[in-house]
C-alpha atoms as a PDB file:
ATOM      1  CA  UNK A   1     -18.235  54.971  32.853  1.00  0.00           C
ATOM      2  CA  UNK A   2     -21.637  54.184  34.383  1.00  0.00           C
ATOM      3  CA  UNK A   3     -21.506  52.928  37.955  1.00  0.00           C
ATOM      4  CA  UNK A   4     -23.113  49.453  37.765  1.00  0.00           C
ATOM      5  CA  UNK A   5     -24.439  49.745  41.310  1.00  0.00           C
ATOM      6  CA  UNK A   6     -26.637  52.663  40.153  1.00  0.00           C
ATOM      7  CA  UNK A   7     -28.360  50.721  37.387  1.00  0.00           C
ATOM      8  CA  UNK A   8     -31.899  49.513  37.881  1.00  0.00           C
ATOM      9  CA  UNK A   9     -31.848  45.733  37.507  1.00  0.00           C
ATOM     10  CA  UNK A  10     -34.816  43.545  36.632  1.00  0.00           C
ATOM     11  CA  UNK A  11     -34.963  39.778  36.324  1.00  0.00           C
ATOM     12  CA  UNK A  12     -37.745  38.149  34.304  1.00  0.00           C
ATOM     13  CA  UNK A  13     -38.287  34.389  34.220  1.00  0.00           C
ATOM     14  CA  UNK A  14     -39.691  32.772  31.106  1.00  0.00           C
ATOM     15  CA  UNK A  15     -38.465  35.751  29.090  1.00  0.00           C
ATOM     16  CA  UNK A  16     -37.983  34.033  25.746  1.00  0.00           C
ATOM     17  CA  UNK A  17     -41.478  34.685  24.422  1.00  0.00           C
ATOM     18  CA  UNK A  18     -45.046  35.661  25.249  1.00  0.00           C
ATOM     19  CA  UNK A  19     -45.816  37.575  28.420  1.00  0.00           C
ATOM     20  CA  UNK A  20     -42.289  37.269  29.813  1.00  0.00           C
ATOM     21  CA  UNK A  21     -40.695  38.740  26.699  1.00  0.00           C
ATOM     22  CA  UNK A  22     -43.267  41.551  26.577  1.00  0.00           C
ATOM     23  CA  UNK A  23     -42.664  42.502  30.221  1.00  0.00           C
ATOM     24  CA  UNK A  24     -38.902  42.394  29.673  1.00  0.00           C
ATOM     25  CA  UNK A  25     -39.165  44.756  26.691  1.00  0.00           C
ATOM     26  CA  UNK A  26     -41.413  47.117  28.659  1.00  0.00           C
ATOM     27  CA  UNK A  27     -39.061  47.216  31.635  1.00  0.00           C
ATOM     28  CA  UNK A  28     -36.061  47.772  29.381  1.00  0.00           C
ATOM     29  CA  UNK A  29     -37.865  50.747  27.853  1.00  0.00           C
ATOM     30  CA  UNK A  30     -38.086  52.301  31.335  1.00  0.00           C
ATOM     31  CA  UNK A  31     -34.324  52.095  31.787  1.00  0.00           C
ATOM     32  CA  UNK A  32     -33.874  48.772  33.564  1.00  0.00           C
ATOM     33  CA  UNK A  33     -31.059  46.405  32.675  1.00  0.00           C
ATOM     34  CA  UNK A  34     -32.749  43.061  32.116  1.00  0.00           C
ATOM     35  CA  UNK A  35     -31.630  39.635  33.246  1.00  0.00           C
ATOM     36  CA  UNK A  36     -33.500  37.212  30.987  1.00  0.00           C
ATOM     37  CA  UNK A  37     -33.955  33.630  32.127  1.00  0.00           C
ATOM     38  CA  UNK A  38     -35.354  30.619  30.304  1.00  0.00           C
ATOM     39  CA  UNK A  39     -34.360  27.158  29.195  1.00  0.00           C
ATOM     40  CA  UNK A  40     -33.337  27.909  25.592  1.00  0.00           C
ATOM     41  CA  UNK A  41     -30.442  30.220  24.847  1.00  0.00           C
ATOM     42  CA  UNK A  42     -31.407  30.946  21.232  1.00  0.00           C
ATOM     43  CA  UNK A  43     -34.929  31.997  22.220  1.00  0.00           C
ATOM     44  CA  UNK A  44     -33.633  34.270  24.972  1.00  0.00           C
ATOM     45  CA  UNK A  45     -31.210  35.794  22.481  1.00  0.00           C
ATOM     46  CA  UNK A  46     -34.174  36.871  20.346  1.00  0.00           C
ATOM     47  CA  UNK A  47     -35.655  38.839  23.247  1.00  0.00           C
ATOM     48  CA  UNK A  48     -32.209  40.221  24.064  1.00  0.00           C
ATOM     49  CA  UNK A  49     -31.833  41.356  20.467  1.00  0.00           C
ATOM     50  CA  UNK A  50     -35.174  43.173  20.514  1.00  0.00           C
ATOM     51  CA  UNK A  51     -34.173  44.965  23.720  1.00  0.00           C
ATOM     52  CA  UNK A  52     -30.842  46.033  22.237  1.00  0.00           C
ATOM     53  CA  UNK A  53     -32.499  47.145  18.982  1.00  0.00           C
ATOM     54  CA  UNK A  54     -34.797  49.384  21.053  1.00  0.00           C
ATOM     55  CA  UNK A  55     -31.820  50.962  22.806  1.00  0.00           C
ATOM     56  CA  UNK A  56     -31.958  48.936  26.029  1.00  0.00           C
ATOM     57  CA  UNK A  57     -29.549  46.495  27.659  1.00  0.00           C
ATOM     58  CA  UNK A  58     -29.965  42.896  28.719  1.00  0.00           C
ATOM     59  CA  UNK A  59     -28.093  39.803  29.818  1.00  0.00           C
ATOM     60  CA  UNK A  60     -29.309  36.257  29.152  1.00  0.00           C
ATOM     61  CA  UNK A  61     -29.080  33.454  31.712  1.00  0.00           C
ATOM     62  CA  UNK A  62     -30.270  30.194  30.148  1.00  0.00           C
ATOM     63  CA  UNK A  63     -31.049  27.422  32.633  1.00  0.00           C
ATOM     64  CA  UNK A  64     -33.903  25.298  33.939  1.00  0.00           C
ATOM     65  CA  UNK A  65     -35.625  26.979  36.879  1.00  0.00           C
ATOM     66  CA  UNK A  66     -36.176  23.676  38.648  1.00  0.00           C
ATOM     67  CA  UNK A  67     -32.393  23.645  39.230  1.00  0.00           C
ATOM     68  CA  UNK A  68     -32.245  25.404  42.594  1.00  0.00           C
ATOM     69  CA  UNK A  69     -28.439  25.366  42.604  1.00  0.00           C
ATOM     70  CA  UNK A  70     -28.458  27.314  39.339  1.00  0.00           C
ATOM     71  CA  UNK A  71     -30.800  29.858  40.919  1.00  0.00           C
ATOM     72  CA  UNK A  72     -28.380  30.276  43.824  1.00  0.00           C
ATOM     73  CA  UNK A  73     -25.463  30.735  41.411  1.00  0.00           C
ATOM     74  CA  UNK A  74     -27.348  33.372  39.445  1.00  0.00           C
ATOM     75  CA  UNK A  75     -28.262  35.243  42.627  1.00  0.00           C
ATOM     76  CA  UNK A  76     -24.639  35.228  43.731  1.00  0.00           C
ATOM     77  CA  UNK A  77     -23.514  36.509  40.313  1.00  0.00           C
ATOM     78  CA  UNK A  78     -26.069  39.328  40.258  1.00  0.00           C
ATOM     79  CA  UNK A  79     -25.195  40.264  43.825  1.00  0.00           C
ATOM     80  CA  UNK A  80     -21.500  40.380  42.992  1.00  0.00           C
ATOM     81  CA  UNK A  81     -22.045  42.400  39.799  1.00  0.00           C
ATOM     82  CA  UNK A  82     -24.708  44.893  40.867  1.00  0.00           C
ATOM     83  CA  UNK A  83     -25.276  44.436  44.604  1.00  0.00           C
ATOM     84  CA  UNK A  84     -29.058  44.721  44.320  1.00  0.00           C
ATOM     85  CA  UNK A  85     -32.141  43.615  42.380  1.00  0.00           C
ATOM     86  CA  UNK A  86     -34.934  46.107  41.776  1.00  0.00           C
ATOM     87  CA  UNK A  87     -37.587  44.005  40.038  1.00  0.00           C
ATOM     88  CA  UNK A  88     -38.183  40.251  40.119  1.00  0.00           C
ATOM     89  CA  UNK A  89     -40.851  39.017  37.708  1.00  0.00           C
ATOM     90  CA  UNK A  90     -42.025  35.455  38.377  1.00  0.00           C
ATOM     91  CA  UNK A  91     -43.553  34.613  35.014  1.00  0.00           C
ATOM     92  CA  UNK A  92     -42.291  31.187  33.927  1.00  0.00           C
ATOM     93  CA  UNK A  93     -44.790  28.370  34.251  1.00  0.00           C
ATOM     94  CA  UNK A  94     -46.237  25.275  32.662  1.00  0.00           C
ATOM     95  CA  UNK A  95     -49.817  24.185  32.122  1.00  0.00           C
ATOM     96  CA  UNK A  96     -49.441  20.435  32.330  1.00  0.00           C
ATOM     97  CA  UNK A  97     -52.003  18.050  30.891  1.00  0.00           C
ATOM     98  CA  UNK A  98     -55.584  19.083  31.560  1.00  0.00           C
ATOM     99  CA  UNK A  99     -57.735  16.285  32.930  1.00  0.00           C
ATOM    100  CA  UNK A 100     -59.358  14.860  36.059  1.00  0.00           C
ATOM    101  CA  UNK A 101     -57.319  15.055  39.244  1.00  0.00           C
ATOM    102  CA  UNK A 102     -57.477  11.278  39.615  1.00  0.00           C
ATOM    103  CA  UNK A 103     -55.997  10.834  36.138  1.00  0.00           C
ATOM    104  CA  UNK A 104     -53.067  13.158  36.766  1.00  0.00           C
ATOM    105  CA  UNK A 105     -49.737  11.413  36.212  1.00  0.00           C
ATOM    106  CA  UNK A 106     -47.755  11.912  39.435  1.00  0.00           C
ATOM    107  CA  UNK A 107     -44.533  12.732  37.599  1.00  0.00           C
ATOM    108  CA  UNK A 108     -46.254  15.504  35.652  1.00  0.00           C
ATOM    109  CA  UNK A 109     -47.931  16.838  38.804  1.00  0.00           C
ATOM    110  CA  UNK A 110     -44.477  17.080  40.359  1.00  0.00           C
ATOM    111  CA  UNK A 111     -43.143  19.003  37.328  1.00  0.00           C
ATOM    112  CA  UNK A 112     -45.986  21.532  37.415  1.00  0.00           C
ATOM    113  CA  UNK A 113     -45.586  22.168  41.144  1.00  0.00           C
ATOM    114  CA  UNK A 114     -41.794  22.274  40.839  1.00  0.00           C
ATOM    115  CA  UNK A 115     -41.806  24.995  38.176  1.00  0.00           C
ATOM    116  CA  UNK A 116     -44.895  27.004  39.063  1.00  0.00           C
ATOM    117  CA  UNK A 117     -44.456  27.023  42.834  1.00  0.00           C
ATOM    118  CA  UNK A 118     -41.247  25.540  44.238  1.00  0.00           C
ATOM    119  CA  UNK A 119     -38.929  27.308  41.790  1.00  0.00           C
ATOM    120  CA  UNK A 120     -40.485  30.625  42.771  1.00  0.00           C
ATOM    121  CA  UNK A 121     -39.824  29.855  46.445  1.00  0.00           C
ATOM    122  CA  UNK A 122     -36.161  29.285  45.572  1.00  0.00           C
ATOM    123  CA  UNK A 123     -36.024  32.514  43.551  1.00  0.00           C
ATOM    124  CA  UNK A 124     -37.466  34.562  46.417  1.00  0.00           C
ATOM    125  CA  UNK A 125     -35.187  32.900  48.931  1.00  0.00           C
ATOM    126  CA  UNK A 126     -32.059  33.402  46.813  1.00  0.00           C
ATOM    127  CA  UNK A 127     -32.756  36.995  45.770  1.00  0.00           C
ATOM    128  CA  UNK A 128     -34.192  38.293  49.041  1.00  0.00           C
ATOM    129  CA  UNK A 129     -30.868  39.855  50.166  1.00  0.00           C
ATOM    130  CA  UNK A 130     -30.496  41.723  46.869  1.00  0.00           C
ATOM    131  CA  UNK A 131     -34.124  42.834  46.861  1.00  0.00           C
ATOM    132  CA  UNK A 132     -33.612  44.226  50.353  1.00  0.00           C
ATOM    133  CA  UNK A 133     -30.517  46.067  49.109  1.00  0.00           C
ATOM    134  CA  UNK A 134     -32.614  47.962  46.541  1.00  0.00           C
ATOM    135  CA  UNK A 135     -34.006  51.377  47.495  1.00  0.00           C
ATOM    136  CA  UNK A 136     -37.393  50.243  46.116  1.00  0.00           C
ATOM    137  CA  UNK A 137     -37.810  46.615  45.088  1.00  0.00           C
ATOM    138  CA  UNK A 138     -40.817  44.942  43.502  1.00  0.00           C
ATOM    139  CA  UNK A 139     -41.728  41.279  43.109  1.00  0.00           C
ATOM    140  CA  UNK A 140     -44.363  40.583  40.449  1.00  0.00           C
ATOM    141  CA  UNK A 141     -45.993  37.155  40.181  1.00  0.00           C
ATOM    142  CA  UNK A 142     -48.155  36.150  37.232  1.00  0.00           C
ATOM    143  CA  UNK A 143     -51.174  34.120  38.274  1.00  0.00           C
ATOM    144  CA  UNK A 144     -54.452  32.842  36.824  1.00  0.00           C
ATOM    145  CA  UNK A 145     -58.133  33.137  37.652  1.00  0.00           C
ATOM    146  CA  UNK A 146     -58.215  29.392  38.372  1.00  0.00           C
ATOM    147  CA  UNK A 147     -56.164  30.033  41.518  1.00  0.00           C
ATOM    148  CA  UNK A 148     -59.224  31.552  43.193  1.00  0.00           C
ATOM    149  CA  UNK A 149     -61.992  29.949  41.135  1.00  0.00           C
ATOM    150  CA  UNK A 150     -61.255  26.230  40.659  1.00  0.00           C
ATOM    151  CA  UNK A 151     -62.074  24.845  37.237  1.00  0.00           C
ATOM    152  CA  UNK A 152     -62.637  21.192  36.430  1.00  0.00           C
ATOM    153  CA  UNK A 153     -59.627  19.483  34.822  1.00  0.00           C
ATOM    154  CA  UNK A 154     -57.188  22.247  35.751  1.00  0.00           C
ATOM    155  CA  UNK A 155     -56.176  20.767  39.106  1.00  0.00           C
ATOM    156  CA  UNK A 156     -52.374  20.831  38.968  1.00  0.00           C
ATOM    157  CA  UNK A 157     -52.096  24.263  37.366  1.00  0.00           C
ATOM    158  CA  UNK A 158     -54.770  25.759  39.623  1.00  0.00           C
ATOM    159  CA  UNK A 159     -53.179  24.317  42.766  1.00  0.00           C
ATOM    160  CA  UNK A 160     -49.757  25.636  41.779  1.00  0.00           C
ATOM    161  CA  UNK A 161     -51.084  29.142  41.124  1.00  0.00           C
ATOM    162  CA  UNK A 162     -53.103  29.186  44.351  1.00  0.00           C
ATOM    163  CA  UNK A 163     -49.948  28.225  46.208  1.00  0.00           C
ATOM    164  CA  UNK A 164     -47.965  30.899  44.387  1.00  0.00           C
ATOM    165  CA  UNK A 165     -50.474  33.616  45.284  1.00  0.00           C
ATOM    166  CA  UNK A 166     -50.323  32.622  48.953  1.00  0.00           C
ATOM    167  CA  UNK A 167     -46.526  32.482  48.859  1.00  0.00           C
ATOM    168  CA  UNK A 168     -46.246  35.971  47.376  1.00  0.00           C
ATOM    169  CA  UNK A 169     -48.840  37.465  49.716  1.00  0.00           C
ATOM    170  CA  UNK A 170     -47.081  35.936  52.721  1.00  0.00           C
ATOM    171  CA  UNK A 171     -43.685  37.201  51.606  1.00  0.00           C
ATOM    172  CA  UNK A 172     -45.188  40.632  51.068  1.00  0.00           C
ATOM    173  CA  UNK A 173     -46.691  40.659  54.551  1.00  0.00           C
ATOM    174  CA  UNK A 174     -43.340  39.670  56.042  1.00  0.00           C
ATOM    175  CA  UNK A 175     -41.347  42.350  54.225  1.00  0.00           C
ATOM    176  CA  UNK A 176     -43.780  45.291  54.002  1.00  0.00           C
ATOM    177  CA  UNK A 177     -42.878  46.919  57.322  1.00  0.00           C
ATOM    178  CA  UNK A 178     -39.188  46.007  57.495  1.00  0.00           C
ATOM    179  CA  UNK A 179     -37.986  46.667  53.949  1.00  0.00           C
ATOM    180  CA  UNK A 180     -38.758  48.557  50.737  1.00  0.00           C
ATOM    181  CA  UNK A 181     -39.916  45.349  49.019  1.00  0.00           C
ATOM    182  CA  UNK A 182     -43.447  45.382  47.631  1.00  0.00           C
ATOM    183  CA  UNK A 183     -45.203  42.383  46.095  1.00  0.00           C
ATOM    184  CA  UNK A 184     -47.745  42.331  43.288  1.00  0.00           C
ATOM    185  CA  UNK A 185     -49.968  39.564  41.933  1.00  0.00           C
ATOM    186  CA  UNK A 186     -51.041  40.107  38.320  1.00  0.00           C
ATOM    187  CA  UNK A 187     -53.768  38.019  36.680  1.00  0.00           C
ATOM    188  CA  UNK A 188     -53.363  38.508  32.913  1.00  0.00           C
ATOM    189  CA  UNK A 189     -56.705  36.965  31.963  1.00  0.00           C
ATOM    190  CA  UNK A 190     -57.081  35.581  28.470  1.00  0.00           C
ATOM    191  CA  UNK A 191     -53.871  36.363  26.562  1.00  0.00           C
ATOM    192  CA  UNK A 192     -52.467  35.356  23.185  1.00  0.00           C
ATOM    193  CA  UNK A 193     -49.759  32.902  24.278  1.00  0.00           C
ATOM    194  CA  UNK A 194     -48.602  29.404  23.397  1.00  0.00           C
ATOM    195  CA  UNK A 195     -49.961  28.153  26.723  1.00  0.00           C
ATOM    196  CA  UNK A 196     -53.382  29.633  25.984  1.00  0.00           C
ATOM    197  CA  UNK A 197     -53.370  27.935  22.578  1.00  0.00           C
ATOM    198  CA  UNK A 198     -52.709  24.566  24.213  1.00  0.00           C
ATOM    199  CA  UNK A 199     -55.495  25.092  26.731  1.00  0.00           C
ATOM    200  CA  UNK A 200     -58.022  26.341  24.158  1.00  0.00           C
ATOM    201  CA  UNK A 201     -56.991  24.802  20.828  1.00  0.00           C
ATOM    202  CA  UNK A 202     -60.137  25.881  18.986  1.00  0.00           C
ATOM    203  CA  UNK A 203     -59.983  29.514  20.051  1.00  0.00           C
ATOM    204  CA  UNK A 204     -59.327  32.294  17.543  1.00  0.00           C
ATOM    205  CA  UNK A 205     -56.175  33.976  18.956  1.00  0.00           C
ATOM    206  CA  UNK A 206     -57.287  37.340  17.601  1.00  0.00           C
ATOM    207  CA  UNK A 207     -60.134  37.326  20.148  1.00  0.00           C
ATOM    208  CA  UNK A 208     -57.786  37.614  23.141  1.00  0.00           C
ATOM    209  CA  UNK A 209     -55.365  40.408  24.016  1.00  0.00           C
ATOM    210  CA  UNK A 210     -51.676  40.311  23.066  1.00  0.00           C
ATOM    211  CA  UNK A 211     -48.912  39.923  25.691  1.00  0.00           C
ATOM    212  CA  UNK A 212     -48.065  43.611  25.435  1.00  0.00           C
ATOM    213  CA  UNK A 213     -51.306  44.437  27.243  1.00  0.00           C
ATOM    214  CA  UNK A 214     -50.198  42.293  30.181  1.00  0.00           C
ATOM    215  CA  UNK A 215     -46.836  44.061  30.208  1.00  0.00           C
ATOM    216  CA  UNK A 216     -48.715  47.335  30.632  1.00  0.00           C
ATOM    217  CA  UNK A 217     -50.655  45.806  33.531  1.00  0.00           C
ATOM    218  CA  UNK A 218     -47.400  44.774  35.221  1.00  0.00           C
ATOM    219  CA  UNK A 219     -45.855  48.215  34.827  1.00  0.00           C
ATOM    220  CA  UNK A 220     -49.033  49.813  36.146  1.00  0.00           C
ATOM    221  CA  UNK A 221     -48.763  47.653  39.274  1.00  0.00           C
ATOM    222  CA  UNK A 222     -45.208  48.896  39.800  1.00  0.00           C
ATOM    223  CA  UNK A 223     -46.287  52.497  39.310  1.00  0.00           C
ATOM    224  CA  UNK A 224     -48.844  52.138  42.109  1.00  0.00           C
ATOM    225  CA  UNK A 225     -46.293  51.049  44.745  1.00  0.00           C
ATOM    226  CA  UNK A 226     -46.094  54.473  46.380  1.00  0.00           C
ATOM    227  CA  UNK A 227     -49.791  55.275  46.370  1.00  0.00           C
END
Protein backbone atom coordinates (compact mmCIF):
# COMPACT_ATOMS: atom_id res chain seq x y z
CA UNK A 1 0.00 0.00 0.00
CA UNK A 2 1.27 3.48 -0.90
CA UNK A 3 2.27 5.60 2.08
CA UNK A 4 -0.04 8.66 1.85
CA UNK A 5 2.58 10.89 3.45
CA UNK A 6 4.83 10.29 0.41
CA UNK A 7 2.29 11.46 -2.16
CA UNK A 8 2.69 14.85 -3.76
CA UNK A 9 -0.45 16.83 -2.96
CA UNK A 10 -1.74 19.81 -4.91
CA UNK A 11 -4.77 21.96 -4.20
CA UNK A 12 -6.34 24.01 -7.00
CA UNK A 13 -9.12 26.52 -6.38
CA UNK A 14 -11.71 27.15 -9.07
CA UNK A 15 -10.91 23.73 -10.53
CA UNK A 16 -14.27 22.98 -12.13
CA UNK A 17 -13.47 24.51 -15.51
CA UNK A 18 -11.19 26.80 -17.49
CA UNK A 19 -7.70 27.56 -16.25
CA UNK A 20 -8.20 25.84 -12.89
CA UNK A 21 -9.29 22.58 -14.49
CA UNK A 22 -6.43 22.72 -17.00
CA UNK A 23 -3.83 23.27 -14.27
CA UNK A 24 -5.34 20.45 -12.20
CA UNK A 25 -5.12 18.03 -15.13
CA UNK A 26 -1.52 19.07 -15.83
CA UNK A 27 -0.46 18.60 -12.21
CA UNK A 28 -2.20 15.23 -12.04
CA UNK A 29 -0.23 14.15 -15.10
CA UNK A 30 3.00 14.86 -13.18
CA UNK A 31 1.97 12.51 -10.37
CA UNK A 32 0.28 14.86 -7.91
CA UNK A 33 -2.88 13.88 -6.09
CA UNK A 34 -5.27 16.76 -6.67
CA UNK A 35 -7.61 18.42 -4.20
CA UNK A 36 -10.20 20.19 -6.37
CA UNK A 37 -12.18 23.04 -4.87
CA UNK A 38 -15.11 25.00 -6.26
CA UNK A 39 -18.70 25.84 -5.46
CA UNK A 40 -20.45 23.19 -7.57
CA UNK A 41 -19.95 19.51 -6.86
CA UNK A 42 -21.15 18.26 -10.26
CA UNK A 43 -18.73 20.54 -12.12
CA UNK A 44 -15.81 19.47 -9.94
CA UNK A 45 -16.77 15.86 -10.57
CA UNK A 46 -16.25 16.42 -14.30
CA UNK A 47 -12.66 17.54 -13.71
CA UNK A 48 -12.16 14.66 -11.29
CA UNK A 49 -13.43 12.24 -13.91
CA UNK A 50 -11.01 13.56 -16.53
CA UNK A 51 -8.11 13.16 -14.09
CA UNK A 52 -9.12 9.58 -13.29
CA UNK A 53 -9.60 8.75 -16.98
CA UNK A 54 -6.03 9.94 -17.59
CA UNK A 55 -4.70 7.67 -14.85
CA UNK A 56 -4.41 10.28 -12.09
CA UNK A 57 -6.09 10.67 -8.71
CA UNK A 58 -8.15 13.48 -7.24
CA UNK A 59 -10.47 14.40 -4.41
CA UNK A 60 -13.21 17.02 -4.70
CA UNK A 61 -14.00 19.55 -1.97
CA UNK A 62 -17.04 21.61 -2.97
CA UNK A 63 -17.54 24.79 -0.94
CA UNK A 64 -17.59 28.57 -1.28
CA UNK A 65 -14.12 30.03 -0.74
CA UNK A 66 -15.51 33.06 1.06
CA UNK A 67 -16.34 30.66 3.92
CA UNK A 68 -13.13 30.95 5.94
CA UNK A 69 -14.29 28.29 8.42
CA UNK A 70 -14.62 25.82 5.55
CA UNK A 71 -11.07 26.67 4.47
CA UNK A 72 -9.83 25.94 7.99
CA UNK A 73 -11.70 22.62 8.03
CA UNK A 74 -10.22 21.60 4.69
CA UNK A 75 -6.72 22.49 5.86
CA UNK A 76 -7.19 20.41 8.99
CA UNK A 77 -8.45 17.46 6.93
CA UNK A 78 -5.55 17.61 4.48
CA UNK A 79 -3.08 17.94 7.33
CA UNK A 80 -4.56 14.93 9.09
CA UNK A 81 -4.64 12.82 5.92
CA UNK A 82 -1.33 13.70 4.27
CA UNK A 83 0.59 15.92 6.70
CA UNK A 84 1.78 18.29 3.98
CA UNK A 85 0.76 20.29 0.90
CA UNK A 86 3.17 20.56 -2.01
CA UNK A 87 1.35 22.92 -4.39
CA UNK A 88 -1.31 25.53 -3.70
CA UNK A 89 -2.83 27.12 -6.81
CA UNK A 90 -4.85 30.27 -6.12
CA UNK A 91 -6.94 30.43 -9.28
CA UNK A 92 -10.57 31.07 -8.31
CA UNK A 93 -11.82 34.58 -8.92
CA UNK A 94 -14.66 36.71 -10.15
CA UNK A 95 -14.73 39.64 -12.55
CA UNK A 96 -17.62 41.62 -11.14
CA UNK A 97 -19.51 44.19 -13.17
CA UNK A 98 -17.27 46.39 -15.29
CA UNK A 99 -18.01 50.09 -14.94
CA UNK A 100 -16.87 53.36 -13.37
CA UNK A 101 -15.53 53.14 -9.83
CA UNK A 102 -18.18 55.58 -8.64
CA UNK A 103 -20.93 53.34 -10.05
CA UNK A 104 -19.66 50.21 -8.34
CA UNK A 105 -22.30 48.64 -6.11
CA UNK A 106 -20.69 48.31 -2.66
CA UNK A 107 -22.05 44.80 -2.11
CA UNK A 108 -20.50 43.60 -5.37
CA UNK A 109 -17.19 45.33 -4.56
CA UNK A 110 -17.16 43.41 -1.29
CA UNK A 111 -17.78 40.10 -3.12
CA UNK A 112 -14.94 40.68 -5.58
CA UNK A 113 -12.47 41.59 -2.83
CA UNK A 114 -13.69 38.73 -0.63
CA UNK A 115 -13.09 36.06 -3.27
CA UNK A 116 -10.12 37.44 -5.19
CA UNK A 117 -8.11 38.69 -2.22
CA UNK A 118 -9.41 37.88 1.26
CA UNK A 119 -10.13 34.21 0.53
CA UNK A 120 -6.55 33.80 -0.68
CA UNK A 121 -5.27 35.30 2.57
CA UNK A 122 -7.30 32.71 4.48
CA UNK A 123 -5.98 29.91 2.25
CA UNK A 124 -2.36 30.93 2.80
CA UNK A 125 -2.90 31.34 6.52
CA UNK A 126 -4.64 27.96 6.90
CA UNK A 127 -2.26 25.95 4.72
CA UNK A 128 1.02 27.58 5.78
CA UNK A 129 1.86 24.81 8.30
CA UNK A 130 1.33 22.10 5.68
CA UNK A 131 3.27 24.00 3.03
CA UNK A 132 6.16 24.30 5.47
CA UNK A 133 5.95 20.54 6.08
CA UNK A 134 6.59 19.85 2.38
CA UNK A 135 10.18 19.26 1.23
CA UNK A 136 9.53 21.72 -1.63
CA UNK A 137 6.28 23.67 -1.65
CA UNK A 138 4.99 26.09 -4.27
CA UNK A 139 2.22 28.68 -4.14
CA UNK A 140 0.97 29.82 -7.54
CA UNK A 141 -1.34 32.83 -7.86
CA UNK A 142 -3.14 33.70 -11.08
CA UNK A 143 -3.21 37.43 -11.74
CA UNK A 144 -4.04 39.86 -14.55
CA UNK A 145 -2.25 42.63 -16.41
CA UNK A 146 -4.70 45.14 -14.93
CA UNK A 147 -3.05 44.64 -11.53
CA UNK A 148 -0.02 46.62 -12.73
CA UNK A 149 -1.59 48.63 -15.55
CA UNK A 150 -4.94 50.05 -14.41
CA UNK A 151 -7.70 50.00 -17.00
CA UNK A 152 -10.81 52.17 -16.95
CA UNK A 153 -13.92 50.37 -15.68
CA UNK A 154 -11.99 47.44 -14.20
CA UNK A 155 -11.55 48.99 -10.74
CA UNK A 156 -12.70 46.22 -8.40
CA UNK A 157 -11.04 43.38 -10.30
CA UNK A 158 -7.82 45.33 -10.82
CA UNK A 159 -7.64 46.36 -7.17
CA UNK A 160 -8.20 42.78 -6.02
CA UNK A 161 -5.47 41.42 -8.29
CA UNK A 162 -3.01 44.16 -7.30
CA UNK A 163 -3.65 43.27 -3.68
CA UNK A 164 -3.20 39.57 -4.43
CA UNK A 165 0.14 40.15 -6.15
CA UNK A 166 1.40 42.14 -3.16
CA UNK A 167 0.11 39.51 -0.74
CA UNK A 168 1.88 36.69 -2.57
CA UNK A 169 5.12 38.63 -2.98
CA UNK A 170 5.11 39.53 0.71
CA UNK A 171 4.45 35.94 1.77
CA UNK A 172 7.23 34.80 -0.53
CA UNK A 173 9.67 37.30 0.99
CA UNK A 174 8.74 36.13 4.48
CA UNK A 175 9.20 32.43 3.74
CA UNK A 176 12.06 32.35 1.22
CA UNK A 177 14.92 32.16 3.72
CA UNK A 178 13.21 30.17 6.48
CA UNK A 179 11.37 27.46 4.54
CA UNK A 180 11.24 25.58 1.25
CA UNK A 181 8.15 27.52 0.14
CA UNK A 182 8.44 29.41 -3.14
CA UNK A 183 5.79 31.73 -4.55
CA UNK A 184 4.92 32.38 -8.19
CA UNK A 185 2.69 34.97 -9.83
CA UNK A 186 1.39 33.91 -13.25
CA UNK A 187 -0.33 36.34 -15.61
CA UNK A 188 -2.19 34.21 -18.17
CA UNK A 189 -2.92 37.05 -20.59
CA UNK A 190 -5.85 36.65 -22.94
CA UNK A 191 -7.28 33.15 -22.44
CA UNK A 192 -10.37 31.34 -23.68
CA UNK A 193 -12.46 31.30 -20.48
CA UNK A 194 -15.99 32.14 -19.41
CA UNK A 195 -14.68 35.20 -17.57
CA UNK A 196 -12.94 36.44 -20.71
CA UNK A 197 -16.17 36.00 -22.67
CA UNK A 198 -18.04 38.15 -20.16
CA UNK A 199 -15.39 40.86 -20.31
CA UNK A 200 -15.12 40.84 -24.12
CA UNK A 201 -18.50 39.61 -25.40
CA UNK A 202 -17.76 40.44 -29.04
CA UNK A 203 -14.41 38.67 -29.17
CA UNK A 204 -13.87 35.57 -31.30
CA UNK A 205 -12.72 32.98 -28.71
CA UNK A 206 -10.56 31.25 -31.31
CA UNK A 207 -8.29 34.32 -31.33
CA UNK A 208 -7.08 33.76 -27.75
CA UNK A 209 -5.15 30.81 -26.33
CA UNK A 210 -6.86 27.87 -24.59
CA UNK A 211 -6.51 27.25 -20.83
CA UNK A 212 -4.06 24.42 -21.47
CA UNK A 213 -1.44 26.97 -22.50
CA UNK A 214 -1.76 28.66 -19.10
CA UNK A 215 -1.39 25.28 -17.40
CA UNK A 216 1.93 24.90 -19.20
CA UNK A 217 2.96 28.35 -17.97
CA UNK A 218 2.15 27.36 -14.38
CA UNK A 219 4.12 24.13 -14.60
CA UNK A 220 7.05 25.99 -16.14
CA UNK A 221 7.07 28.35 -13.15
CA UNK A 222 7.26 25.36 -10.81
CA UNK A 223 10.08 23.83 -12.84
CA UNK A 224 12.15 27.01 -12.40
CA UNK A 225 12.02 26.94 -8.57
CA UNK A 226 15.53 25.50 -8.21
CA UNK A 227 17.24 27.64 -10.83
